[in-house]
C-alpha atoms as a PDB file:
ATOM      1  CA  MET A   1      86.764 131.263 123.880  1.00  0.00           C
ATOM      2  CA  VAL A   2      88.305 128.717 126.504  1.00  0.00           C
ATOM      3  CA  ASN A   3      91.072 130.460 128.174  1.00  0.00           C
ATOM      4  CA  ARG A   4      93.635 127.715 127.417  1.00  0.00           C
ATOM      5  CA  VAL A   5      95.977 128.730 130.461  1.00  0.00           C
ATOM      6  CA  ALA A   6      92.591 127.852 132.514  1.00  0.00           C
ATOM      7  CA  ILE A   7      92.754 124.711 130.485  1.00  0.00           C
ATOM      8  CA  VAL A   8      96.497 123.164 130.910  1.00  0.00           C
ATOM      9  CA  ALA A   9      96.187 123.825 134.973  1.00  0.00           C
ATOM     10  CA  GLN A  10      92.917 122.343 135.431  1.00  0.00           C
ATOM     11  CA  ILE A  11      94.337 119.036 133.557  1.00  0.00           C
ATOM     12  CA  SER A  12      97.883 119.359 135.776  1.00  0.00           C
ATOM     13  CA  LYS A  13      95.013 119.425 138.964  1.00  0.00           C
ATOM     14  CA  LEU A  14      93.476 115.654 137.319  1.00  0.00           C
ATOM     15  CA  CYS A  15      97.030 113.882 137.469  1.00  0.00           C
ATOM     16  CA  ALA A  16      97.713 113.926 140.797  1.00  0.00           C
ATOM     17  CA  TRP A  17      99.008 109.886 140.970  1.00  0.00           C
ATOM     18  CA  SER A  18     102.271 109.082 143.357  1.00  0.00           C
ATOM     19  CA  LEU A  19     105.405 107.948 141.976  1.00  0.00           C
ATOM     20  CA  GLY A  20     107.272 108.034 145.247  1.00  0.00           C
ATOM     21  CA  LEU A  21     111.021 109.687 146.289  1.00  0.00           C
ATOM     22  CA  CYS A  22     112.514 109.240 143.393  1.00  0.00           C
ATOM     23  CA  LEU A  23     111.584 112.074 141.375  1.00  0.00           C
ATOM     24  CA  LEU A  24     112.505 114.597 144.537  1.00  0.00           C
ATOM     25  CA  CYS A  25     115.912 114.704 143.703  1.00  0.00           C
ATOM     26  CA  ALA A  26     118.772 114.147 140.846  1.00  0.00           C
ATOM     27  CA  PRO A  27     122.221 115.028 141.101  1.00  0.00           C
ATOM     28  CA  SER A  28     123.807 113.170 138.445  1.00  0.00           C
ATOM     29  CA  ALA A  29     121.191 113.861 135.719  1.00  0.00           C
ATOM     30  CA  GLN A  30     121.815 117.854 136.333  1.00  0.00           C
ATOM     31  CA  ALA A  31     123.684 119.647 133.653  1.00  0.00           C
ATOM     32  CA  GLN A  32     124.853 122.759 131.499  1.00  0.00           C
ATOM     33  CA  LEU A  33     123.526 124.243 128.274  1.00  0.00           C
ATOM     34  CA  TRP A  34     125.043 126.482 126.613  1.00  0.00           C
ATOM     35  CA  LEU A  35     122.709 129.205 124.634  1.00  0.00           C
ATOM     36  CA  ALA A  36     124.327 130.652 121.317  1.00  0.00           C
ATOM     37  CA  GLU A  37     124.465 134.189 122.946  1.00  0.00           C
ATOM     38  CA  GLY A  38     127.288 132.536 125.483  1.00  0.00           C
ATOM     39  CA  SER A  39     124.867 131.897 129.195  1.00  0.00           C
ATOM     40  CA  ARG A  40     124.375 128.698 130.251  1.00  0.00           C
ATOM     41  CA  LEU A  41     121.074 127.115 131.574  1.00  0.00           C
ATOM     42  CA  GLU A  42     120.863 124.342 134.407  1.00  0.00           C
ATOM     43  CA  ALA A  43     118.821 121.132 133.752  1.00  0.00           C
ATOM     44  CA  SER A  44     117.621 117.876 134.544  1.00  0.00           C
ATOM     45  CA  SER A  45     115.636 115.595 132.946  1.00  0.00           C
ATOM     46  CA  PHE A  46     113.745 112.402 133.688  1.00  0.00           C
ATOM     47  CA  ASN A  47     113.049 109.753 131.362  1.00  0.00           C
ATOM     48  CA  LEU A  48     109.101 108.019 132.017  1.00  0.00           C
ATOM     49  CA  GLN A  49     109.485 105.635 130.100  1.00  0.00           C
ATOM     50  CA  VAL A  50     112.365 104.420 131.930  1.00  0.00           C
ATOM     51  CA  GLN A  51     111.550 106.354 135.088  1.00  0.00           C
ATOM     52  CA  ARG A  52     114.390 107.536 135.821  1.00  0.00           C
ATOM     53  CA  TYR A  53     116.869 110.621 135.677  1.00  0.00           C
ATOM     54  CA  ASP A  54     118.884 110.956 132.179  1.00  0.00           C
ATOM     55  CA  ARG A  55     121.379 113.694 131.495  1.00  0.00           C
ATOM     56  CA  PRO A  56     119.915 116.089 129.246  1.00  0.00           C
ATOM     57  CA  ASP A  57     122.782 115.571 126.487  1.00  0.00           C
ATOM     58  CA  ILE A  58     121.381 111.725 126.831  1.00  0.00           C
ATOM     59  CA  VAL A  59     117.980 112.836 126.557  1.00  0.00           C
ATOM     60  CA  LEU A  60     118.810 115.773 123.438  1.00  0.00           C
ATOM     61  CA  GLN A  61     120.050 112.695 121.003  1.00  0.00           C
ATOM     62  CA  GLN A  62     116.904 110.402 121.640  1.00  0.00           C
ATOM     63  CA  LEU A  63     114.358 113.494 120.896  1.00  0.00           C
ATOM     64  CA  ALA A  64     117.258 114.149 117.735  1.00  0.00           C
ATOM     65  CA  GLN A  65     116.192 110.831 116.115  1.00  0.00           C
ATOM     66  CA  ALA A  66     112.467 111.993 116.402  1.00  0.00           C
ATOM     67  CA  ASN A  67     110.856 113.370 113.171  1.00  0.00           C
ATOM     68  CA  VAL A  68     108.221 115.270 115.688  1.00  0.00           C
ATOM     69  CA  VAL A  69     109.656 117.357 119.075  1.00  0.00           C
ATOM     70  CA  TYR A  70     106.373 118.274 121.567  1.00  0.00           C
ATOM     71  CA  LEU A  71     107.896 121.008 124.053  1.00  0.00           C
ATOM     72  CA  GLY A  72     104.942 121.776 125.811  1.00  0.00           C
ATOM     73  CA  GLU A  73     105.147 124.646 127.822  1.00  0.00           C
ATOM     74  CA  THR A  74     102.982 127.320 130.290  1.00  0.00           C
ATOM     75  CA  HIS A  75     102.571 130.345 128.128  1.00  0.00           C
ATOM     76  CA  ASP A  76     103.850 132.603 130.717  1.00  0.00           C
ATOM     77  CA  SER A  77     106.793 130.858 132.027  1.00  0.00           C
ATOM     78  CA  LEU A  78     109.922 132.442 131.313  1.00  0.00           C
ATOM     79  CA  ALA A  79     111.751 129.303 132.008  1.00  0.00           C
ATOM     80  CA  ASP A  80     109.504 127.094 129.899  1.00  0.00           C
ATOM     81  CA  HIS A  81     110.479 129.399 126.946  1.00  0.00           C
ATOM     82  CA  GLN A  82     114.363 129.171 127.689  1.00  0.00           C
ATOM     83  CA  ALA A  83     114.851 125.502 128.021  1.00  0.00           C
ATOM     84  CA  GLN A  84     112.739 125.632 124.916  1.00  0.00           C
ATOM     85  CA  LEU A  85     115.526 128.071 123.185  1.00  0.00           C
ATOM     86  CA  ALA A  86     117.736 125.974 124.715  1.00  0.00           C
ATOM     87  CA  ILE A  87     116.479 122.502 123.240  1.00  0.00           C
ATOM     88  CA  ILE A  88     116.091 124.132 119.763  1.00  0.00           C
ATOM     89  CA  GLN A  89     119.680 125.244 120.071  1.00  0.00           C
ATOM     90  CA  ALA A  90     121.230 121.496 121.105  1.00  0.00           C
ATOM     91  CA  LEU A  91     118.816 119.998 118.032  1.00  0.00           C
ATOM     92  CA  HIS A  92     119.439 121.929 115.370  1.00  0.00           C
ATOM     93  CA  GLN A  93     123.601 121.167 116.002  1.00  0.00           C
ATOM     94  CA  ARG A  94     122.594 117.883 116.185  1.00  0.00           C
ATOM     95  CA  HIS A  95     120.166 118.575 112.919  1.00  0.00           C
ATOM     96  CA  PRO A  96     120.785 121.649 110.904  1.00  0.00           C
ATOM     97  CA  GLN A  97     117.468 120.530 108.634  1.00  0.00           C
ATOM     98  CA  LEU A  98     115.027 121.988 111.608  1.00  0.00           C
ATOM     99  CA  ALA A  99     111.742 123.551 111.405  1.00  0.00           C
ATOM    100  CA  ILE A 100     109.767 125.586 114.412  1.00  0.00           C
ATOM    101  CA  ALA A 101     105.799 124.966 114.497  1.00  0.00           C
ATOM    102  CA  LEU A 102     103.846 127.640 116.841  1.00  0.00           C
ATOM    103  CA  GLU A 103     100.619 127.510 118.639  1.00  0.00           C
ATOM    104  CA  MET A 104     101.526 131.391 119.040  1.00  0.00           C
ATOM    105  CA  PHE A 105     100.970 132.198 115.475  1.00  0.00           C
ATOM    106  CA  GLN A 106      97.545 131.516 113.528  1.00  0.00           C
ATOM    107  CA  ARG A 107      97.611 129.600 110.550  1.00  0.00           C
ATOM    108  CA  PRO A 108      96.071 132.833 108.410  1.00  0.00           C
ATOM    109  CA  TYR A 109      99.207 134.571 108.996  1.00  0.00           C
ATOM    110  CA  GLN A 110     101.613 132.015 107.486  1.00  0.00           C
ATOM    111  CA  ALA A 111     102.891 134.838 105.260  1.00  0.00           C
ATOM    112  CA  VAL A 112     103.624 137.122 107.665  1.00  0.00           C
ATOM    113  CA  LEU A 113     105.656 134.523 109.415  1.00  0.00           C
ATOM    114  CA  ASP A 114     107.896 134.179 105.811  1.00  0.00           C
ATOM    115  CA  ARG A 115     107.926 137.853 104.839  1.00  0.00           C
ATOM    116  CA  TYR A 116     109.959 138.202 108.923  1.00  0.00           C
ATOM    117  CA  LEU A 117     112.645 135.250 107.565  1.00  0.00           C
ATOM    118  CA  ALA A 118     113.363 136.835 104.963  1.00  0.00           C
ATOM    119  CA  GLY A 119     114.286 140.275 106.220  1.00  0.00           C
ATOM    120  CA  LYS A 120     111.148 142.459 104.615  1.00  0.00           C
ATOM    121  CA  LEU A 121     109.937 142.914 108.782  1.00  0.00           C
ATOM    122  CA  THR A 122     111.402 143.952 111.350  1.00  0.00           C
ATOM    123  CA  GLU A 123     110.294 142.801 114.577  1.00  0.00           C
ATOM    124  CA  THR A 124     107.715 145.588 115.362  1.00  0.00           C
ATOM    125  CA  GLU A 125     106.155 144.861 112.318  1.00  0.00           C
ATOM    126  CA  LEU A 126     105.960 141.329 112.377  1.00  0.00           C
ATOM    127  CA  GLN A 127     103.652 141.751 116.059  1.00  0.00           C
ATOM    128  CA  GLN A 128     101.356 144.107 114.312  1.00  0.00           C
ATOM    129  CA  GLN A 129     100.689 142.163 111.032  1.00  0.00           C
ATOM    130  CA  SER A 130     100.467 138.893 112.320  1.00  0.00           C
ATOM    131  CA  GLN A 131      98.222 140.669 115.173  1.00  0.00           C
ATOM    132  CA  TYR A 132      99.726 139.060 118.017  1.00  0.00           C
ATOM    133  CA  GLU A 133      98.905 141.174 120.996  1.00  0.00           C
ATOM    134  CA  LYS A 134      95.348 140.601 120.074  1.00  0.00           C
ATOM    135  CA  ARG A 135      95.466 137.036 118.706  1.00  0.00           C
ATOM    136  CA  TRP A 136      98.256 135.886 121.620  1.00  0.00           C
ATOM    137  CA  GLY A 137      98.997 138.099 124.201  1.00  0.00           C
ATOM    138  CA  PHE A 138     101.368 136.521 125.913  1.00  0.00           C
ATOM    139  CA  PRO A 139     105.048 138.684 126.554  1.00  0.00           C
ATOM    140  CA  TRP A 140     106.467 139.178 123.551  1.00  0.00           C
ATOM    141  CA  GLU A 141     110.102 138.589 125.221  1.00  0.00           C
ATOM    142  CA  ASN A 142     109.516 135.615 125.894  1.00  0.00           C
ATOM    143  CA  TYR A 143     109.245 134.249 122.277  1.00  0.00           C
ATOM    144  CA  ALA A 144     111.203 137.263 121.094  1.00  0.00           C
ATOM    145  CA  PRO A 145     114.549 135.374 121.335  1.00  0.00           C
ATOM    146  CA  ILE A 146     113.538 131.890 119.359  1.00  0.00           C
ATOM    147  CA  LEU A 147     111.965 134.079 116.568  1.00  0.00           C
ATOM    148  CA  ARG A 148     115.403 135.663 116.785  1.00  0.00           C
ATOM    149  CA  TYR A 149     117.243 132.492 116.641  1.00  0.00           C
ATOM    150  CA  ALA A 150     115.034 131.545 113.511  1.00  0.00           C
ATOM    151  CA  LYS A 151     115.799 134.376 111.370  1.00  0.00           C
ATOM    152  CA  THR A 152     119.591 134.397 112.563  1.00  0.00           C
ATOM    153  CA  TYR A 153     120.225 130.793 111.159  1.00  0.00           C
ATOM    154  CA  GLN A 154     117.180 130.603 108.474  1.00  0.00           C
ATOM    155  CA  ILE A 155     115.473 127.960 110.324  1.00  0.00           C
ATOM    156  CA  PRO A 156     111.509 127.642 108.925  1.00  0.00           C
ATOM    157  CA  LEU A 157     108.404 129.244 111.055  1.00  0.00           C
ATOM    158  CA  VAL A 158     105.483 127.431 110.699  1.00  0.00           C
ATOM    159  CA  ALA A 159     101.944 128.811 112.101  1.00  0.00           C
ATOM    160  CA  LEU A 160      99.900 126.282 113.369  1.00  0.00           C
ATOM    161  CA  ASN A 161      96.858 127.982 115.328  1.00  0.00           C
ATOM    162  CA  THR A 162      92.900 128.053 114.406  1.00  0.00           C
ATOM    163  CA  PRO A 163      91.830 131.730 113.841  1.00  0.00           C
ATOM    164  CA  THR A 164      90.143 133.015 116.851  1.00  0.00           C
ATOM    165  CA  GLU A 165      87.265 133.735 114.705  1.00  0.00           C
ATOM    166  CA  VAL A 166      86.614 130.757 114.340  1.00  0.00           C
ATOM    167  CA  THR A 167      87.078 129.030 117.395  1.00  0.00           C
ATOM    168  CA  ARG A 168      85.013 131.431 118.993  1.00  0.00           C
ATOM    169  CA  LYS A 169      82.067 130.554 116.224  1.00  0.00           C
ATOM    170  CA  VAL A 170      82.105 126.895 117.506  1.00  0.00           C
ATOM    171  CA  ALA A 171      82.908 127.337 120.854  1.00  0.00           C
ATOM    172  CA  ARG A 172      79.610 129.546 120.699  1.00  0.00           C
ATOM    173  CA  GLN A 173      77.590 127.770 118.228  1.00  0.00           C
ATOM    174  CA  GLY A 174      78.729 124.470 116.941  1.00  0.00           C
ATOM    175  CA  TRP A 175      80.102 123.536 113.578  1.00  0.00           C
ATOM    176  CA  ALA A 176      76.771 124.828 111.620  1.00  0.00           C
ATOM    177  CA  SER A 177      77.568 128.150 112.203  1.00  0.00           C
ATOM    178  CA  LEU A 178      80.488 128.334 110.176  1.00  0.00           C
ATOM    179  CA  THR A 179      80.742 130.266 106.515  1.00  0.00           C
ATOM    180  CA  LEU A 180      83.348 129.486 103.376  1.00  0.00           C
ATOM    181  CA  ALA A 181      85.545 131.546 104.666  1.00  0.00           C
ATOM    182  CA  ASP A 182      85.418 129.946 108.222  1.00  0.00           C
ATOM    183  CA  LYS A 183      86.576 126.888 106.940  1.00  0.00           C
ATOM    184  CA  GLN A 184      89.589 127.503 104.982  1.00  0.00           C
ATOM    185  CA  PHE A 185      91.972 127.384 107.005  1.00  0.00           C
ATOM    186  CA  ILE A 186      90.578 124.780 109.354  1.00  0.00           C
ATOM    187  CA  PRO A 187      90.194 120.747 108.404  1.00  0.00           C
ATOM    188  CA  PRO A 188      87.381 119.320 106.723  1.00  0.00           C
ATOM    189  CA  ILE A 189      84.379 118.556 109.253  1.00  0.00           C
ATOM    190  CA  SER A 190      84.940 115.103 108.268  1.00  0.00           C
ATOM    191  CA  GLU A 191      88.185 114.817 109.440  1.00  0.00           C
ATOM    192  CA  ILE A 192      87.641 116.587 113.111  1.00  0.00           C
ATOM    193  CA  ARG A 193      87.325 113.669 115.545  1.00  0.00           C
ATOM    194  CA  THR A 194      85.696 113.415 118.878  1.00  0.00           C
ATOM    195  CA  ASP A 195      85.988 110.142 118.909  1.00  0.00           C
ATOM    196  CA  ASN A 196      88.272 109.439 121.991  1.00  0.00           C
ATOM    197  CA  SER A 197      86.467 109.250 125.049  1.00  0.00           C
ATOM    198  CA  ALA A 198      89.470 109.507 127.295  1.00  0.00           C
ATOM    199  CA  TYR A 199      90.182 112.841 126.209  1.00  0.00           C
ATOM    200  CA  ARG A 200      86.551 113.833 125.863  1.00  0.00           C
ATOM    201  CA  GLN A 201      85.931 112.238 129.814  1.00  0.00           C
ATOM    202  CA  LEU A 202      89.265 114.717 130.686  1.00  0.00           C
ATOM    203  CA  MET A 203      87.767 117.835 129.148  1.00  0.00           C
ATOM    204  CA  ARG A 204      84.720 117.151 130.515  1.00  0.00           C
ATOM    205  CA  THR A 205      86.055 116.895 133.820  1.00  0.00           C
ATOM    206  CA  ILE A 206      87.671 120.232 133.552  1.00  0.00           C
ATOM    207  CA  TYR A 207      84.719 121.634 131.780  1.00  0.00           C
ATOM    208  CA  ASP A 208      82.561 120.805 134.706  1.00  0.00           C
ATOM    209  CA  ASP A 209      85.062 122.074 137.241  1.00  0.00           C
ATOM    210  CA  ILE A 210      85.436 125.493 135.271  1.00  0.00           C
ATOM    211  CA  HIS A 211      81.774 126.503 135.442  1.00  0.00           C
ATOM    212  CA  GLY A 212      80.240 123.903 137.793  1.00  0.00           C
ATOM    213  CA  GLU A 213      76.392 123.903 138.025  1.00  0.00           C
ATOM    214  CA  MET A 214      76.406 126.278 135.133  1.00  0.00           C
ATOM    215  CA  GLY A 215      76.935 124.440 132.804  1.00  0.00           C
ATOM    216  CA  ASN A 216      74.564 121.794 130.265  1.00  0.00           C
ATOM    217  CA  SER A 217      75.800 119.469 127.595  1.00  0.00           C
ATOM    218  CA  GLN A 218      74.877 120.856 125.151  1.00  0.00           C
ATOM    219  CA  ASN A 219      77.256 123.838 126.036  1.00  0.00           C
ATOM    220  CA  PHE A 220      80.249 121.103 127.102  1.00  0.00           C
ATOM    221  CA  GLU A 221      79.576 119.719 123.116  1.00  0.00           C
ATOM    222  CA  ARG A 222      80.818 123.173 122.220  1.00  0.00           C
ATOM    223  CA  PHE A 223      83.744 124.163 124.237  1.00  0.00           C
ATOM    224  CA  PHE A 224      84.629 120.119 123.572  1.00  0.00           C
ATOM    225  CA  LEU A 225      84.697 120.849 119.702  1.00  0.00           C
ATOM    226  CA  ALA A 226      86.419 124.221 120.087  1.00  0.00           C
ATOM    227  CA  GLN A 227      89.252 121.875 121.920  1.00  0.00           C
ATOM    228  CA  VAL A 228      89.622 119.406 119.134  1.00  0.00           C
ATOM    229  CA  LEU A 229      89.195 122.094 116.417  1.00  0.00           C
ATOM    230  CA  TRP A 230      92.889 123.468 117.809  1.00  0.00           C
ATOM    231  CA  ASP A 231      94.309 120.127 117.718  1.00  0.00           C
ATOM    232  CA  GLU A 232      92.972 118.901 114.495  1.00  0.00           C
ATOM    233  CA  THR A 233      94.039 122.209 113.013  1.00  0.00           C
ATOM    234  CA  MET A 234      98.119 122.224 114.942  1.00  0.00           C
ATOM    235  CA  ALA A 235      97.910 118.509 113.672  1.00  0.00           C
ATOM    236  CA  GLU A 236      97.093 119.038 110.655  1.00  0.00           C
ATOM    237  CA  ARG A 237      99.410 121.443 109.252  1.00  0.00           C
ATOM    238  CA  ILE A 238     101.962 119.670 111.080  1.00  0.00           C
ATOM    239  CA  ALA A 239     101.498 116.986 108.579  1.00  0.00           C
ATOM    240  CA  GLN A 240     100.637 118.606 105.758  1.00  0.00           C
ATOM    241  CA  PHE A 241     104.337 120.535 106.878  1.00  0.00           C
ATOM    242  CA  TRP A 242     106.378 116.796 107.285  1.00  0.00           C
ATOM    243  CA  GLN A 243     105.145 115.431 103.965  1.00  0.00           C
ATOM    244  CA  THR A 244     106.321 117.812 102.110  1.00  0.00           C
ATOM    245  CA  THR A 245     109.671 118.274 104.005  1.00  0.00           C
ATOM    246  CA  SER A 246     110.521 114.735 106.148  1.00  0.00           C
ATOM    247  CA  GLN A 247     113.735 115.187 106.075  1.00  0.00           C
ATOM    248  CA  THR A 248     113.402 118.364 108.257  1.00  0.00           C
ATOM    249  CA  GLN A 249     113.112 117.859 111.926  1.00  0.00           C
ATOM    250  CA  ILE A 250     110.127 119.528 113.343  1.00  0.00           C
ATOM    251  CA  VAL A 251     110.123 121.283 116.933  1.00  0.00           C
ATOM    252  CA  VAL A 252     106.604 122.345 117.883  1.00  0.00           C
ATOM    253  CA  LEU A 253     105.785 125.277 120.465  1.00  0.00           C
ATOM    254  CA  VAL A 254     102.269 124.667 122.401  1.00  0.00           C
ATOM    255  CA  GLY A 255     100.807 124.544 125.428  1.00  0.00           C
ATOM    256  CA  GLN A 256     101.180 121.314 127.661  1.00  0.00           C
ATOM    257  CA  GLY A 257      97.465 120.867 127.363  1.00  0.00           C
ATOM    258  CA  HIS A 258      97.255 119.697 123.658  1.00  0.00           C
ATOM    259  CA  VAL A 259     100.057 117.166 124.166  1.00  0.00           C
ATOM    260  CA  MET A 260      99.707 115.603 127.502  1.00  0.00           C
ATOM    261  CA  TYR A 261      99.102 111.762 126.764  1.00  0.00           C
ATOM    262  CA  GLY A 262      99.319 112.572 123.455  1.00  0.00           C
ATOM    263  CA  TYR A 263      95.510 113.296 122.771  1.00  0.00           C
ATOM    264  CA  GLY A 264      95.404 115.984 121.320  1.00  0.00           C
ATOM    265  CA  ILE A 265      98.031 116.645 118.571  1.00  0.00           C
ATOM    266  CA  PRO A 266      99.800 113.941 118.745  1.00  0.00           C
ATOM    267  CA  ASP A 267      97.663 110.894 117.885  1.00  0.00           C
ATOM    268  CA  ARG A 268      96.016 113.171 115.241  1.00  0.00           C
ATOM    269  CA  VAL A 269      99.285 113.782 113.329  1.00  0.00           C
ATOM    270  CA  THR A 270      99.981 109.849 113.594  1.00  0.00           C
ATOM    271  CA  ARG A 271      95.747 108.865 112.002  1.00  0.00           C
ATOM    272  CA  ARG A 272      97.054 111.599 109.200  1.00  0.00           C
ATOM    273  CA  LEU A 273     100.001 109.886 108.313  1.00  0.00           C
ATOM    274  CA  THR A 274      98.328 106.806 108.311  1.00  0.00           C
ATOM    275  CA  SER A 275      95.397 107.483 106.404  1.00  0.00           C
ATOM    276  CA  ARG A 276      96.918 109.656 103.752  1.00  0.00           C
ATOM    277  CA  SER A 277     100.002 107.557 102.743  1.00  0.00           C
ATOM    278  CA  PRO A 278      99.838 104.580 100.312  1.00  0.00           C
ATOM    279  CA  LYS A 279     102.495 103.588 102.773  1.00  0.00           C
ATOM    280  CA  PRO A 280     102.648 103.734 106.490  1.00  0.00           C
ATOM    281  CA  HIS A 281     105.915 105.088 108.468  1.00  0.00           C
ATOM    282  CA  PRO A 282     107.119 102.727 110.298  1.00  0.00           C
ATOM    283  CA  THR A 283     110.228 104.685 110.848  1.00  0.00           C
ATOM    284  CA  PHE A 284     107.738 107.996 112.295  1.00  0.00           C
ATOM    285  CA  GLN A 285     108.498 109.177 115.419  1.00  0.00           C
ATOM    286  CA  GLN A 286     107.402 111.472 118.148  1.00  0.00           C
ATOM    287  CA  LYS A 287     108.635 112.657 121.253  1.00  0.00           C
ATOM    288  CA  ILE A 288     106.907 114.755 124.291  1.00  0.00           C
ATOM    289  CA  VAL A 289     108.208 116.581 126.780  1.00  0.00           C
ATOM    290  CA  LEU A 290     106.643 118.554 129.347  1.00  0.00           C
ATOM    291  CA  LEU A 291     108.964 121.694 130.653  1.00  0.00           C
ATOM    292  CA  ASN A 292     109.270 122.257 133.998  1.00  0.00           C
ATOM    293  CA  PRO A 293     105.597 120.694 134.765  1.00  0.00           C
ATOM    294  CA  SER A 294     103.590 120.936 138.266  1.00  0.00           C
ATOM    295  CA  ASP A 295     103.680 119.068 141.427  1.00  0.00           C
ATOM    296  CA  GLU A 296     100.606 117.517 140.390  1.00  0.00           C
ATOM    297  CA  VAL A 297     102.177 116.672 137.145  1.00  0.00           C
ATOM    298  CA  LYS A 298     105.546 115.327 137.805  1.00  0.00           C
ATOM    299  CA  THR A 299     104.372 113.131 140.601  1.00  0.00           C
ATOM    300  CA  THR A 300     102.722 111.003 138.134  1.00  0.00           C
ATOM    301  CA  GLU A 301     103.412 107.608 137.531  1.00  0.00           C
ATOM    302  CA  LYS A 302     101.287 106.995 133.550  1.00  0.00           C
ATOM    303  CA  ALA A 303     104.491 106.285 131.473  1.00  0.00           C
ATOM    304  CA  THR A 304     101.557 107.833 128.706  1.00  0.00           C
ATOM    305  CA  ILE A 305     101.262 111.409 129.766  1.00  0.00           C
ATOM    306  CA  ALA A 306     104.560 112.391 128.566  1.00  0.00           C
ATOM    307  CA  ASP A 307     108.040 110.690 127.204  1.00  0.00           C
ATOM    308  CA  TYR A 308     110.231 113.444 128.770  1.00  0.00           C
ATOM    309  CA  PHE A 309     109.942 115.472 132.158  1.00  0.00           C
ATOM    310  CA  TRP A 310     112.640 118.493 132.006  1.00  0.00           C
ATOM    311  CA  TYR A 311     113.769 120.280 134.832  1.00  0.00           C
ATOM    312  CA  SER A 312     114.708 124.177 133.650  1.00  0.00           C
ATOM    313  CA  MET A 313     117.254 125.735 137.130  1.00  0.00           C
ATOM    314  CA  PRO A 314     117.969 129.049 137.274  1.00  0.00           C
ATOM    315  CA  PRO A 315     120.114 130.258 134.602  1.00  0.00           C
ATOM    316  CA  ASN A 316     124.006 131.939 135.286  1.00  0.00           C
ATOM    317  CA  GLN A 317     124.315 130.452 138.579  1.00  0.00           C
ATOM    318  CA  PRO A 318     127.681 129.256 139.587  1.00  0.00           C
END
């Protein structure tokens, strides 16, 4: 299966445009957020739509108005996960009807998350029964505080991701290899769209960078299909959940590569809601936050890459 950490790293390398010195300092935009257990997390934020730093509390007020908020992470970054918890807590205070959607859990294990929330599983049993180590494998303690917070306040947890076996099959053999059982937790093949030429070109550049002369067009097509399958599967689940609980704000924890420019998940959520609803959703809003973006990403001048950059400061510092 495609290494998603490598994908995010490679995407970051493609985004080296110059914004100028305005990104280098923003003392007036720095603030402290207080976590539930009483520790504080310092942060600053940059609004790409107006090209300026805004205080985190202002950004949080804006995020609270969105139906779906994407918190784009680097999976092994503890700072990103601390920021996710702080943002979730702040949004929950503003919007008690909240749900947390997770790339880290695959869709067949939704019932396991439900049992954990209901107090029927311990944290260790949650890891075991969701096959977390096998199917995700990044440090559990990065995500555990978020899951504990959700359990304490009974915030719904939504498993988003494609089963590993299915993604691996598509990456190696294409759609024709899938059985009826394989298709149970993915969208219909007819609804999986690969026609975003900008996304295809971005993925092609990444693929060539990873594989060099060893790659070929047929292998790239399967690589691209697997990436799009991740995106479409997660987008379908988000759209389904929102359609059944439209008063609930959904906070999505997902790798940055799935949300940059809206190509991966956000555009596909919009497409699904637009195509399946008899009436459009004129007030439906999605916001993309990239957490602690790399130096290459944070110097981009393209406002379309995200709505906000969020920068963590070292926690518990005077």
